[in-house]
Protein backbone atom coordinates (compact mmCIF):
# COMPACT_ATOMS: atom_id res chain seq x y z
CA MET A 1 29.84 99.21 203.04
CA LYS A 2 33.25 100.49 204.68
CA THR A 3 35.80 101.97 201.70
CA VAL A 4 39.41 101.90 202.20
CA PHE A 5 41.45 104.00 199.75
CA ILE A 6 45.23 102.90 199.40
CA ALA A 7 47.80 105.07 197.75
CA ILE A 8 50.87 103.71 197.47
CA SER A 9 53.81 104.80 195.25
CA SER A 10 57.09 102.92 194.37
CA LEU A 11 60.16 104.65 192.92
CA PHE A 12 61.77 102.82 189.72
CA ILE A 13 65.57 103.35 189.17
CA VAL A 14 64.62 104.57 185.39
CA GLY A 15 63.30 107.48 187.21
CA ALA A 16 59.29 107.14 186.17
CA VAL A 17 56.82 107.00 189.41
CA SER A 18 54.36 103.79 189.17
CA ALA A 19 51.71 103.56 191.85
CA GLN A 20 50.76 100.18 193.36
CA LEU A 21 49.71 97.85 195.81
CA TYR A 22 52.31 95.70 196.66
CA VAL A 23 52.30 92.66 198.46
CA SER A 24 55.81 91.12 199.14
CA PRO A 25 56.67 87.42 199.74
CA GLY A 26 55.75 86.40 203.22
CA ALA A 27 53.09 89.00 203.92
CA THR A 28 49.33 88.81 203.75
CA LEU A 29 46.72 91.58 202.82
CA HIS A 30 43.52 90.01 203.86
CA LEU A 31 39.90 92.16 202.99
CA ALA A 32 37.27 91.84 205.87
CA ASP A 33 33.98 91.47 204.45
CA ASN A 34 32.52 94.23 203.09
CA THR A 35 35.50 96.09 202.85
CA GLN A 36 36.45 97.96 199.05
CA VAL A 37 39.94 98.81 198.37
CA THR A 38 40.23 101.23 195.42
CA LEU A 39 43.05 101.67 193.34
CA GLN A 40 43.14 104.65 191.44
CA ASP A 41 45.62 104.37 188.56
CA MET A 42 47.75 101.81 190.65
CA ASP A 43 48.73 98.07 190.04
CA LEU A 44 47.99 95.26 192.21
CA VAL A 45 51.05 92.98 192.39
CA ASN A 46 50.78 90.31 194.58
CA ASN A 47 54.24 88.17 195.48
CA GLY A 48 52.48 87.33 198.97
CA THR A 49 49.12 86.00 200.11
CA PHE A 50 45.95 87.74 198.88
CA SER A 51 42.48 87.16 200.50
CA SER A 52 39.43 88.51 200.76
CA LEU A 53 35.97 87.55 202.78
CA ALA A 54 32.81 87.65 200.82
CA ASN A 55 31.63 91.25 199.06
CA GLY A 56 35.30 92.36 199.79
CA ARG A 57 36.29 94.22 196.50
CA ILE A 58 38.91 95.61 194.45
CA THR A 59 37.97 98.35 192.20
CA PHE A 60 40.17 99.56 189.45
CA ASN A 61 39.48 103.42 188.61
CA GLY A 62 41.27 106.34 187.17
CA THR A 63 42.52 106.80 183.59
CA ALA A 64 45.75 105.01 183.52
CA GLY A 65 46.28 101.78 181.97
CA ASN A 66 46.88 99.22 185.09
CA SER A 67 47.44 95.56 185.93
CA ILE A 68 47.47 92.71 188.05
CA SER A 69 50.64 90.72 188.47
CA GLY A 70 53.00 89.16 190.50
CA ALA A 71 54.49 85.27 191.35
CA ALA A 72 51.83 84.54 193.77
CA SER A 73 48.33 83.29 193.03
CA THR A 74 45.53 85.81 193.24
CA SER A 75 41.94 85.14 194.45
CA LEU A 76 39.52 88.14 194.71
CA ALA A 77 35.83 87.84 196.11
CA GLU A 78 34.79 90.98 193.74
CA LEU A 79 36.42 92.75 191.16
CA GLU A 80 35.29 96.30 189.61
CA ILE A 81 36.34 97.71 186.64
CA ALA A 82 35.77 101.76 186.57
CA LYS A 83 38.21 103.16 184.49
CA THR A 84 37.83 106.23 182.36
CA GLY A 85 39.28 107.72 179.11
CA ALA A 86 41.56 105.07 177.64
CA GLY A 87 42.22 103.58 181.11
CA MET A 88 42.24 99.52 180.98
CA LEU A 89 42.90 96.92 183.28
CA ALA A 90 45.29 94.17 182.01
CA LEU A 91 45.75 90.44 183.48
CA GLN A 92 49.60 89.71 183.92
CA ARG A 93 48.96 86.56 185.48
CA ASP A 94 45.92 83.77 185.78
CA ILE A 95 43.36 85.11 188.66
CA GLY A 96 40.04 84.10 190.44
CA VAL A 97 37.31 85.89 191.21
CA THR A 98 34.58 83.97 193.64
CA GLY A 99 32.08 86.57 193.57
CA LYS A 100 31.53 89.13 191.19
CA VAL A 101 33.16 90.75 188.46
CA VAL A 102 31.46 94.02 188.16
CA PHE A 103 31.60 96.09 185.06
CA THR A 104 31.22 99.99 185.50
CA SER A 105 33.19 101.62 182.92
CA ASN A 106 36.05 100.48 180.32
CA LEU A 107 37.80 97.05 179.58
CA ILE A 108 39.41 94.11 181.16
CA ASP A 109 41.83 92.65 178.97
CA LEU A 110 43.04 88.87 179.68
CA ASN A 111 46.20 89.70 177.82
CA ASN A 112 46.51 85.61 177.19
CA PHE A 113 45.74 85.13 180.90
CA ASN A 114 42.73 83.42 182.30
CA LEU A 115 40.13 84.94 184.79
CA SER A 116 38.31 81.76 186.75
CA LEU A 117 35.29 81.99 188.07
CA GLY A 118 34.88 78.67 189.60
CA ALA A 119 31.62 77.62 190.31
CA THR A 120 30.33 80.61 192.41
CA GLY A 121 31.56 83.49 190.17
CA ILE A 122 29.48 85.33 188.11
CA LEU A 123 30.17 88.88 185.17
CA GLU A 124 27.65 91.30 186.37
CA ASN A 125 26.49 94.61 184.01
CA GLU A 126 28.91 93.50 181.09
CA ASN A 127 27.84 95.41 177.88
CA GLU A 128 29.05 97.04 174.93
CA ASN A 129 31.47 99.55 176.65
CA SER A 130 32.55 97.69 179.82
CA ARG A 131 33.62 94.03 179.09
CA ILE A 132 36.04 91.69 178.88
CA THR A 133 38.36 91.42 176.06
CA GLY A 134 41.64 89.51 175.02
CA THR A 135 42.06 89.10 171.42
CA SER A 136 45.42 88.16 171.47
CA GLY A 137 44.35 84.75 173.79
CA GLY A 138 43.33 84.01 176.99
CA GLU A 139 39.71 82.63 178.84
CA VAL A 140 37.33 83.56 181.27
CA GLN A 141 35.72 80.04 182.82
CA SER A 142 32.92 79.12 184.63
CA THR A 143 31.80 75.52 186.01
CA ALA A 144 28.34 74.45 186.52
CA THR A 145 26.27 71.23 187.41
CA LEU A 146 23.66 71.21 184.71
CA ASN A 147 21.09 69.01 185.22
CA ALA A 148 18.04 69.30 182.70
CA PRO A 149 19.17 73.02 182.53
CA TYR A 150 16.61 75.74 181.11
CA THR A 151 18.02 78.64 179.62
CA GLN A 152 20.74 78.79 182.09
CA ASN A 153 23.80 80.81 181.15
CA PRO A 154 26.69 79.77 183.77
CA GLY A 155 28.72 82.53 185.03
CA ASN A 156 26.86 85.13 183.07
CA LEU A 157 29.20 84.68 180.14
CA GLY A 158 26.44 84.58 177.32
CA ALA A 159 26.28 80.90 176.60
CA VAL A 160 22.59 79.60 177.33
CA ILE A 161 22.01 76.45 177.47
CA THR A 162 18.82 74.27 177.14
CA SER A 163 18.24 70.33 177.74
CA ALA A 164 16.14 67.89 179.08
CA GLN A 165 19.28 65.60 179.72
CA ASN A 166 21.80 65.51 182.70
CA LEU A 167 24.75 67.08 181.45
CA GLY A 168 26.59 66.62 184.76
CA VAL A 169 29.27 69.35 186.14
CA THR A 170 30.05 71.60 183.11
CA THR A 171 32.79 73.89 182.13
CA ILE A 172 32.34 76.67 179.93
CA HIS A 173 35.67 78.50 178.45
CA ARG A 174 34.72 82.01 176.65
CA GLY A 175 37.58 83.21 174.77
CA HIS A 176 37.88 86.46 172.53
CA LYS A 177 40.58 85.25 169.57
CA SER A 178 39.59 85.09 165.90
CA GLN A 179 39.11 81.59 165.18
CA THR A 180 41.35 79.91 162.16
CA THR A 181 42.14 76.76 160.10
CA THR A 182 45.14 75.08 159.75
CA GLY A 183 47.66 77.44 157.90
CA GLY A 184 46.10 80.54 159.20
CA GLY A 185 42.71 80.48 156.92
CA GLY A 186 39.63 81.88 158.15
CA ILE A 187 38.10 84.47 160.39
CA SER A 188 35.34 84.70 163.26
CA ILE A 189 34.08 87.07 165.62
CA HIS A 190 36.03 88.10 168.41
CA ARG A 191 34.17 85.36 170.85
CA TYR A 192 34.20 81.55 170.88
CA PHE A 193 33.04 79.19 173.51
CA ASP A 194 34.32 75.80 174.82
CA ILE A 195 31.54 73.87 176.32
CA THR A 196 32.53 70.78 178.18
CA PRO A 197 29.94 68.72 180.03
CA ALA A 198 30.95 65.61 181.73
CA ILE A 199 27.87 63.71 179.69
CA ASN A 200 28.25 64.45 176.25
CA SER A 201 26.32 62.38 173.86
CA GLY A 202 22.38 62.51 173.03
CA LEU A 203 21.74 65.73 174.89
CA ASN A 204 19.37 67.53 172.36
CA ALA A 205 20.32 70.70 173.46
CA THR A 206 19.74 74.30 172.63
CA LEU A 207 22.57 76.56 172.62
CA ARG A 208 22.36 80.46 172.30
CA MET A 209 25.41 82.22 171.58
CA ASN A 210 25.40 86.11 172.67
CA TYR A 211 28.10 88.33 171.64
CA PHE A 212 28.92 92.40 171.61
CA ASP A 213 28.86 94.53 168.32
CA ALA A 214 32.38 95.46 169.62
CA GLU A 215 33.37 91.73 168.70
CA LEU A 216 31.99 91.54 165.18
CA ASN A 217 35.77 91.87 163.90
CA GLY A 218 34.58 93.60 160.74
CA LEU A 219 32.25 91.05 159.77
CA ASP A 220 28.25 91.29 158.81
CA GLU A 221 26.51 89.78 161.80
CA ASN A 222 23.49 89.33 159.30
CA ALA A 223 25.22 86.68 157.17
CA PHE A 224 26.55 84.72 160.32
CA GLU A 225 26.13 81.05 160.81
CA MET A 226 27.16 78.76 164.10
CA TRP A 227 30.38 76.95 163.33
CA LYS A 228 31.68 74.17 165.50
CA SER A 229 35.07 72.32 165.86
CA ASN A 230 36.33 69.08 167.71
CA ASP A 231 40.00 70.40 167.28
CA ASN A 232 40.01 73.66 167.18
CA VAL A 233 41.41 73.75 163.60
CA ASN A 234 39.23 72.08 161.43
CA TRP A 235 35.47 73.62 161.50
CA THR A 236 32.07 72.52 160.26
CA ALA A 237 28.93 75.06 159.88
CA PHE A 238 26.18 73.87 161.64
CA GLY A 239 23.71 76.98 160.65
CA PHE A 240 21.13 78.27 163.41
CA ASN A 241 17.28 78.18 163.78
CA TYR A 242 16.63 81.50 165.47
CA ARG A 243 18.72 84.54 165.39
CA ASN A 244 18.16 88.23 166.68
CA THR A 245 21.30 90.70 165.53
CA ALA A 246 19.11 93.51 167.48
CA ALA A 247 19.57 91.71 170.67
CA ASN A 248 23.01 89.99 169.55
CA PHE A 249 22.73 86.49 169.80
CA TYR A 250 22.63 83.25 167.43
CA GLU A 251 20.63 80.17 168.64
CA GLN A 252 20.79 76.43 167.45
CA THR A 253 18.47 73.54 168.55
CA GLY A 254 18.96 69.91 168.44
CA ILE A 255 22.69 69.62 169.44
CA ASN A 256 23.67 66.33 170.47
CA ASP A 257 27.40 67.03 171.80
CA PHE A 258 29.00 70.04 172.65
CA PHE A 259 32.22 71.55 171.05
CA ARG A 260 34.07 74.85 170.64
CA THR A 261 31.61 76.93 168.93
CA THR A 262 31.91 80.24 166.96
CA LEU A 263 29.92 82.76 164.66
CA SER A 264 31.29 83.44 161.10
CA PRO A 265 29.79 83.95 157.68
CA ALA A 266 29.16 81.26 155.36
CA GLY A 267 32.74 80.44 153.73
CA ALA A 268 35.10 82.46 156.03
CA LEU A 269 36.02 79.16 157.98
CA PRO A 270 37.02 76.92 155.01
CA LEU A 271 35.95 73.08 154.87
CA HIS A 272 35.97 70.30 157.60
CA TRP A 273 38.30 67.55 156.71
CA ILE A 274 37.45 64.20 157.49
CA THR A 275 39.66 61.52 156.05
CA LEU A 276 42.40 61.25 153.66
CA ASN A 277 43.62 57.64 152.68
CA ALA A 278 46.39 56.29 150.46
CA ARG A 279 46.66 52.83 149.16
CA LYS A 280 48.99 50.91 146.43
CA ILE A 281 47.29 49.73 143.28
CA SER A 282 48.74 48.66 139.98
CA GLU A 283 48.47 52.07 138.47
CA GLY A 284 50.13 53.77 141.28
CA VAL A 285 48.97 55.33 144.57
CA LEU A 286 45.35 56.06 144.89
CA LEU A 287 44.39 58.76 147.31
CA THR A 288 40.54 59.08 148.36
CA TRP A 289 39.40 61.92 150.76
CA GLN A 290 36.35 63.27 152.23
CA VAL A 291 35.12 66.57 153.41
CA ALA A 292 32.05 67.69 155.42
CA ASN A 293 31.19 71.02 153.68
CA GLU A 294 32.58 72.79 150.68
CA LEU A 295 31.55 76.31 151.15
CA ASN A 296 33.32 78.61 149.00
CA ASN A 297 35.90 75.93 147.79
CA SER A 298 37.92 76.35 144.53
CA HIS A 299 39.90 73.51 144.55
CA PHE A 300 42.44 71.04 145.56
CA GLU A 301 46.37 70.55 145.37
CA ILE A 302 47.85 67.32 145.85
CA GLU A 303 51.12 67.25 147.56
CA ARG A 304 53.66 64.54 148.11
CA SER A 305 56.92 63.91 150.39
CA ALA A 306 59.35 61.44 151.24
CA ILE A 307 60.76 61.11 154.34
CA GLY A 308 63.31 63.82 154.84
CA SER A 309 61.76 66.06 152.05
CA ASN A 310 59.45 68.92 151.60
CA PHE A 311 55.76 68.53 150.25
CA GLY A 312 55.76 69.49 146.78
CA MET A 313 52.45 69.66 144.73
CA ILE A 314 52.00 67.21 142.24
CA ASP A 315 48.70 68.07 140.84
CA ARG A 316 45.57 69.83 141.30
CA THR A 317 42.02 69.02 141.06
CA PRO A 318 38.52 71.17 140.96
CA SER A 319 36.03 71.28 143.80
CA THR A 320 32.76 69.41 142.63
CA GLY A 321 30.62 69.93 145.86
CA ASN A 322 30.57 65.83 146.11
CA ARG A 323 32.37 65.62 149.36
CA TRP A 324 34.11 62.42 148.19
CA TYR A 325 37.24 62.66 146.18
CA GLN A 326 39.75 60.47 144.36
CA TYR A 327 42.99 60.83 142.50
CA THR A 328 45.86 58.25 141.35
CA ASP A 329 49.51 59.22 141.56
CA LYS A 330 50.63 57.63 138.37
CA THR A 331 54.43 59.14 138.72
CA PRO A 332 56.77 56.30 137.61
CA GLY A 333 59.33 54.68 139.89
CA LEU A 334 57.20 55.33 143.20
CA GLN A 335 59.18 53.73 145.92
CA GLY A 336 59.96 54.62 149.58
CA ASP A 337 58.20 55.69 152.67
CA LEU A 338 55.89 58.71 151.04
CA LEU A 339 53.60 60.97 152.71
CA TYR A 340 50.61 62.93 151.01
CA ARG A 341 48.47 65.56 151.64
CA ILE A 342 45.66 67.83 150.45
CA ARG A 343 45.75 71.40 150.37
CA GLN A 344 42.39 72.88 149.97
CA VAL A 345 42.44 76.50 148.52
CA ASP A 346 38.96 78.95 149.02
CA LEU A 347 37.61 81.15 146.11
CA ASP A 348 39.26 84.10 148.11
CA GLY A 349 42.95 82.40 148.48
CA ARG A 350 42.48 81.05 152.22
CA PHE A 351 43.33 77.56 152.25
CA SER A 352 43.89 74.62 154.68
CA PHE A 353 45.45 70.89 154.97
CA SER A 354 44.01 67.67 155.18
CA PRO A 355 45.67 65.08 157.61
CA ILE A 356 48.65 63.53 156.56
CA ALA A 357 48.35 60.07 154.87
CA SER A 358 51.53 57.60 154.63
CA ILE A 359 52.51 54.68 152.66
CA LYS A 360 55.25 52.37 152.04
CA ILE A 361 56.44 51.62 148.66
CA TYR A 362 59.41 49.05 148.01
CA ASP A 363 61.02 46.93 145.62
CA ASP A 364 59.37 43.35 145.89
CA GLU A 365 61.95 41.53 144.46
CA PHE A 366 64.98 42.84 146.20
CA LYS A 367 63.27 44.12 149.14
CA LEU A 368 65.16 47.38 149.12
CA LEU A 369 64.09 50.59 150.04
CA LEU A 370 65.19 53.77 148.69
CA PHE A 371 64.17 56.97 150.02
CA PRO A 372 63.23 59.66 149.34
CA ASN A 373 61.81 59.14 146.00
CA PRO A 374 61.46 60.92 144.06
CA ALA A 375 64.17 63.27 145.34
CA ARG A 376 66.12 66.27 145.14
CA ASN A 377 69.01 66.71 147.73
CA PHE A 378 70.08 63.08 149.18
CA ILE A 379 68.87 59.77 149.17
CA ARG A 380 69.24 56.96 151.71
CA LEU A 381 69.18 53.44 151.10
CA ASN A 382 68.19 50.33 153.24
CA THR A 383 71.01 47.64 152.01
CA ASP A 384 74.12 46.07 152.91
CA ALA A 385 75.51 46.80 149.60
CA LYS A 386 79.06 48.70 150.01
CA PHE A 387 79.60 49.75 146.12
CA ILE A 388 76.99 51.97 145.10
CA ARG A 389 76.92 53.79 141.58
CA ILE A 390 74.48 56.01 140.12
CA ILE A 391 73.83 55.92 136.36
CA ALA A 392 72.24 58.43 134.20
CA ALA A 393 69.46 57.52 131.49
CA ASP A 394 72.35 57.64 128.72
CA GLY A 395 74.41 54.72 130.62
CA ARG A 396 77.03 57.28 132.21
CA GLU A 397 78.22 56.85 135.68
CA VAL A 398 77.66 60.16 137.41
CA LYS A 399 78.47 59.31 141.16
CA ARG A 400 80.17 56.20 142.66
CA ILE A 401 80.63 55.50 146.42
CA SER A 402 82.49 52.87 148.16
CA ASN A 403 81.80 51.28 151.83
CA TYR A 404 78.57 52.77 152.08
CA VAL A 405 77.03 52.49 155.44
CA LYS A 406 73.59 51.77 155.58
CA TYR A 407 71.06 55.10 156.00
CA THR A 408 73.38 57.72 155.34
CA ASP A 409 73.12 60.29 153.00
CA ILE A 410 73.78 60.24 149.34
CA GLN A 411 74.28 63.99 148.42
CA ILE A 412 72.49 64.23 144.75
CA SER A 413 71.88 68.24 144.82
CA ASP A 414 74.67 68.45 141.96
CA LEU A 415 72.83 66.12 139.61
CA ALA A 416 70.26 67.26 137.05
CA ASN A 417 66.27 66.08 137.10
CA GLY A 418 65.83 62.97 135.68
CA ILE A 419 65.40 59.10 135.76
CA TYR A 420 68.66 57.71 137.07
CA MET A 421 69.54 53.91 138.20
CA VAL A 422 71.28 53.11 141.26
CA GLU A 423 73.21 49.98 141.26
CA LEU A 424 74.37 47.96 144.07
CA ASP A 425 77.64 46.03 144.05
CA ALA A 426 77.05 45.67 140.69
CA GLU A 427 74.15 43.28 141.20
CA LYS A 428 70.87 45.12 141.96
CA ASN A 429 69.54 48.00 140.20
CA LEU A 430 66.98 50.67 141.56
CA LYS A 431 65.16 53.28 139.88
CA LEU A 432 65.74 56.87 140.94
CA ILE A 433 63.67 60.16 140.41
CA ILE A 434 65.53 63.13 140.55
CA GLY A 435 63.16 66.13 140.83
CA ASP A 436 59.47 66.16 140.91
């Protein structure tokens, strides 16, 4: 292999000298076949055209931290990380590698950017001490055609797939950010996979998920389950049927469709929400909800809001493990466009929110809409009435509005909590609740 060593320095106005291989706008840097460029403690900044033939390699070595950046797209045939000491290579833009990413020593930090291997690139010799990381975000990506795959590991990313079915063109995304639920609850290892095949049903597949000890994120690898999510927020544990913590993998069979997958101890990622529904009944508003599992679940907090106001807790109910729940909101005078959600709380204090359910309740006799109700700071009325009075429970008039314009705010933050009557043009009355 022909080796070319490049040493270029640029003087910055702050007085520091930063070494870099700089491709200026309009310029082209071309690496011929079997050419190696070694950047010792240097950055690669590509603002022009960078191209390389097969086996053309850029090697980053030395002890300093360096980066790949620039305004132009950068595609490499081969990339090698061979840093020592505290040296690391960080991405400052998305890059592509069509051949090999070679791990000799130290880390490549994705740094919220992506490294694409396409259909031909692979990771070579990735190990505990020399690997891809990126706990703040970013992914390494590979694409492969998987027709009846047997222990196929696209791009050597560590997701090993077996299936008697044809999956077609399949993309694999590997990230290193710990996974959480809505509200930031939960924790996983510093690795997840998004697997997206062209055909994603009836697969009866086996997935082996590999990982490094350095990605454990302080978790006990002997307590892991495999977890899945279709929206990257709500998670369901789907167990495993084989594991080897010495060889660092978990495996599950009988998978009919793929999704985002990670590893986490039982209960570390809170329950998976399925449904929340609200409907009007004679006693009030009936809420029903379903969850897929209740690992580590303590209780549910029922929250209500009206359009224009914040959610507030109206009650709580303990977890029973039944997965199906119902609750009736019997608050007097419920009217308007109401929103409900359930806050699920784990035994360790972590929490997640259900989907939001909405319901409209209005006075059937007068077809009037007063919202929010209950309210705290303001109300609005869907009415053509011009003269509005708010009357306290003891009969006192506490607020009077003349020439009211439909849907405009009526401030009530100066009124005490309680039940009031809203009088419209001295003809129609509507009950108003101020406070929770």
